[in-house]
Protein backbone atom coordinates (compact mmCIF):
# COMPACT_ATOMS: atom_id res chain seq x y z
CA UNK A 1 102.93 114.10 115.72
CA UNK A 2 105.30 112.19 117.92
CA UNK A 3 105.96 109.19 115.66
CA UNK A 4 108.52 109.50 112.85
CA UNK A 5 107.38 109.08 109.26
CA UNK A 6 108.82 106.05 107.55
CA UNK A 7 109.35 104.68 104.08
CA UNK A 8 108.65 100.97 103.88
CA UNK A 9 108.78 98.68 100.87
CA UNK A 10 107.62 95.13 101.43
CA UNK A 11 107.86 91.96 99.40
CA UNK A 12 106.19 88.77 100.62
CA UNK A 13 108.98 86.22 100.92
CA UNK A 14 108.74 82.76 102.51
CA UNK A 15 111.20 83.75 105.25
CA UNK A 16 108.85 86.50 106.49
CA UNK A 17 106.23 83.89 107.37
CA UNK A 18 108.55 82.56 110.08
CA UNK A 19 108.66 85.94 111.84
CA UNK A 20 106.63 85.91 115.12
CA UNK A 21 105.44 89.46 114.36
CA UNK A 22 104.07 88.54 110.92
CA UNK A 23 102.51 85.34 112.28
CA UNK A 24 100.84 87.34 115.03
CA UNK A 25 99.42 89.89 112.60
CA UNK A 26 98.19 87.33 110.09
CA UNK A 27 96.70 85.12 112.80
CA UNK A 28 94.15 87.85 113.55
CA UNK A 29 93.73 88.92 109.96
CA UNK A 30 91.13 87.22 107.79
CA UNK A 31 92.31 88.36 104.34
CA UNK A 32 95.39 86.37 103.31
CA UNK A 33 97.25 87.59 100.25
CA UNK A 34 100.68 88.02 98.72
CA UNK A 35 102.48 90.59 96.53
CA UNK A 36 101.08 93.49 98.60
CA UNK A 37 102.70 96.72 99.79
CA UNK A 38 102.93 97.80 103.41
CA UNK A 39 103.59 101.25 104.86
CA UNK A 40 103.71 102.61 108.41
CA UNK A 41 102.17 106.01 109.20
CA UNK A 42 101.19 107.46 112.58
CA UNK A 43 102.07 104.17 114.32
CA UNK A 44 99.63 102.21 112.13
CA UNK A 45 100.43 99.65 109.46
CA UNK A 46 98.67 99.87 106.08
CA UNK A 47 98.43 96.76 103.87
CA UNK A 48 97.58 97.72 100.29
CA UNK A 49 96.72 95.74 97.15
CA UNK A 50 98.14 92.30 96.43
CA UNK A 51 96.93 88.98 95.05
CA UNK A 52 94.53 86.39 96.44
CA UNK A 53 93.29 84.54 93.38
CA UNK A 54 92.72 87.95 91.77
CA UNK A 55 94.39 91.36 91.82
CA UNK A 56 93.06 93.40 94.77
CA UNK A 57 92.19 97.08 95.42
CA UNK A 58 91.98 96.51 99.17
CA UNK A 59 93.51 98.92 101.71
CA UNK A 60 93.55 97.83 105.34
CA UNK A 61 94.87 99.48 108.47
CA UNK A 62 96.29 97.64 111.48
CA UNK A 63 96.37 99.50 114.80
CA UNK A 64 98.80 97.77 117.19
CA UNK A 65 97.48 99.83 120.13
CA UNK A 66 94.08 98.12 119.85
CA UNK A 67 95.25 95.00 117.95
CA UNK A 68 92.55 95.54 115.31
CA UNK A 69 92.28 95.67 111.51
CA UNK A 70 90.02 98.16 109.69
CA UNK A 71 89.02 98.42 106.04
CA UNK A 72 89.97 101.80 104.57
CA UNK A 73 89.16 103.38 101.20
CA UNK A 74 90.25 100.96 98.45
CA UNK A 75 92.79 101.92 95.82
CA UNK A 76 91.29 103.28 92.59
CA UNK A 77 93.23 100.60 90.64
CA UNK A 78 93.77 96.99 91.75
CA UNK A 79 97.50 96.06 91.72
CA UNK A 80 99.99 93.47 92.95
CA UNK A 81 103.78 93.64 93.26
CA UNK A 82 103.59 97.35 94.05
CA UNK A 83 105.57 99.63 96.34
CA UNK A 84 104.47 102.11 98.99
CA UNK A 85 106.10 105.23 100.41
CA UNK A 86 105.02 107.69 103.10
CA UNK A 87 105.65 111.35 102.26
CA UNK A 88 104.05 114.36 103.92
CA UNK A 89 101.54 112.29 105.90
CA UNK A 90 100.22 110.49 102.82
CA UNK A 91 100.81 107.00 101.43
CA UNK A 92 101.94 106.86 97.81
CA UNK A 93 101.31 103.52 96.11
CA UNK A 94 103.57 103.11 93.09
CA UNK A 95 103.78 100.70 90.15
CA UNK A 96 102.66 97.10 90.30
CA UNK A 97 100.78 94.80 87.97
CA UNK A 98 97.15 95.35 87.07
CA UNK A 99 96.64 91.78 85.80
CA UNK A 100 97.67 88.44 87.33
CA UNK A 101 101.11 87.27 86.27
CA UNK A 102 104.01 89.33 85.05
CA UNK A 103 102.25 92.62 84.33
CA UNK A 104 103.38 96.13 85.21
CA UNK A 105 102.11 99.70 85.34
CA UNK A 106 103.38 103.23 85.79
CA UNK A 107 100.61 104.13 88.23
CA UNK A 108 101.14 106.40 91.23
CA UNK A 109 98.11 106.81 93.52
CA UNK A 110 97.95 108.54 96.89
CA UNK A 111 95.97 107.76 100.06
CA UNK A 112 95.46 110.35 102.79
CA UNK A 113 94.42 108.58 106.03
CA UNK A 114 93.79 111.92 107.75
CA UNK A 115 94.72 112.79 111.33
């Protein structure tokens, strides 16, 4: 694999909405949400979990080469305010709240996007 593996933690802050990159991604993306985690693996961006009126299990992949979003396997447990890390070609989704508001968990789930 030619692309480096990266660790990315992401918090949705108002200042990020002013970024041309984020505006470009969200302009093409139909599912708007906050308190999600984002990780980069194999030159693709993965947006996981979050809140949009309810806590979400959603896992979506953005491919900048084709400028397209794809639904991937959802997380087993819906969470918001979580973190994500890439280790060994897999995305680990850690912590986060399982209920709206100030909830927390000690969950650690892994997603393997494959080659």
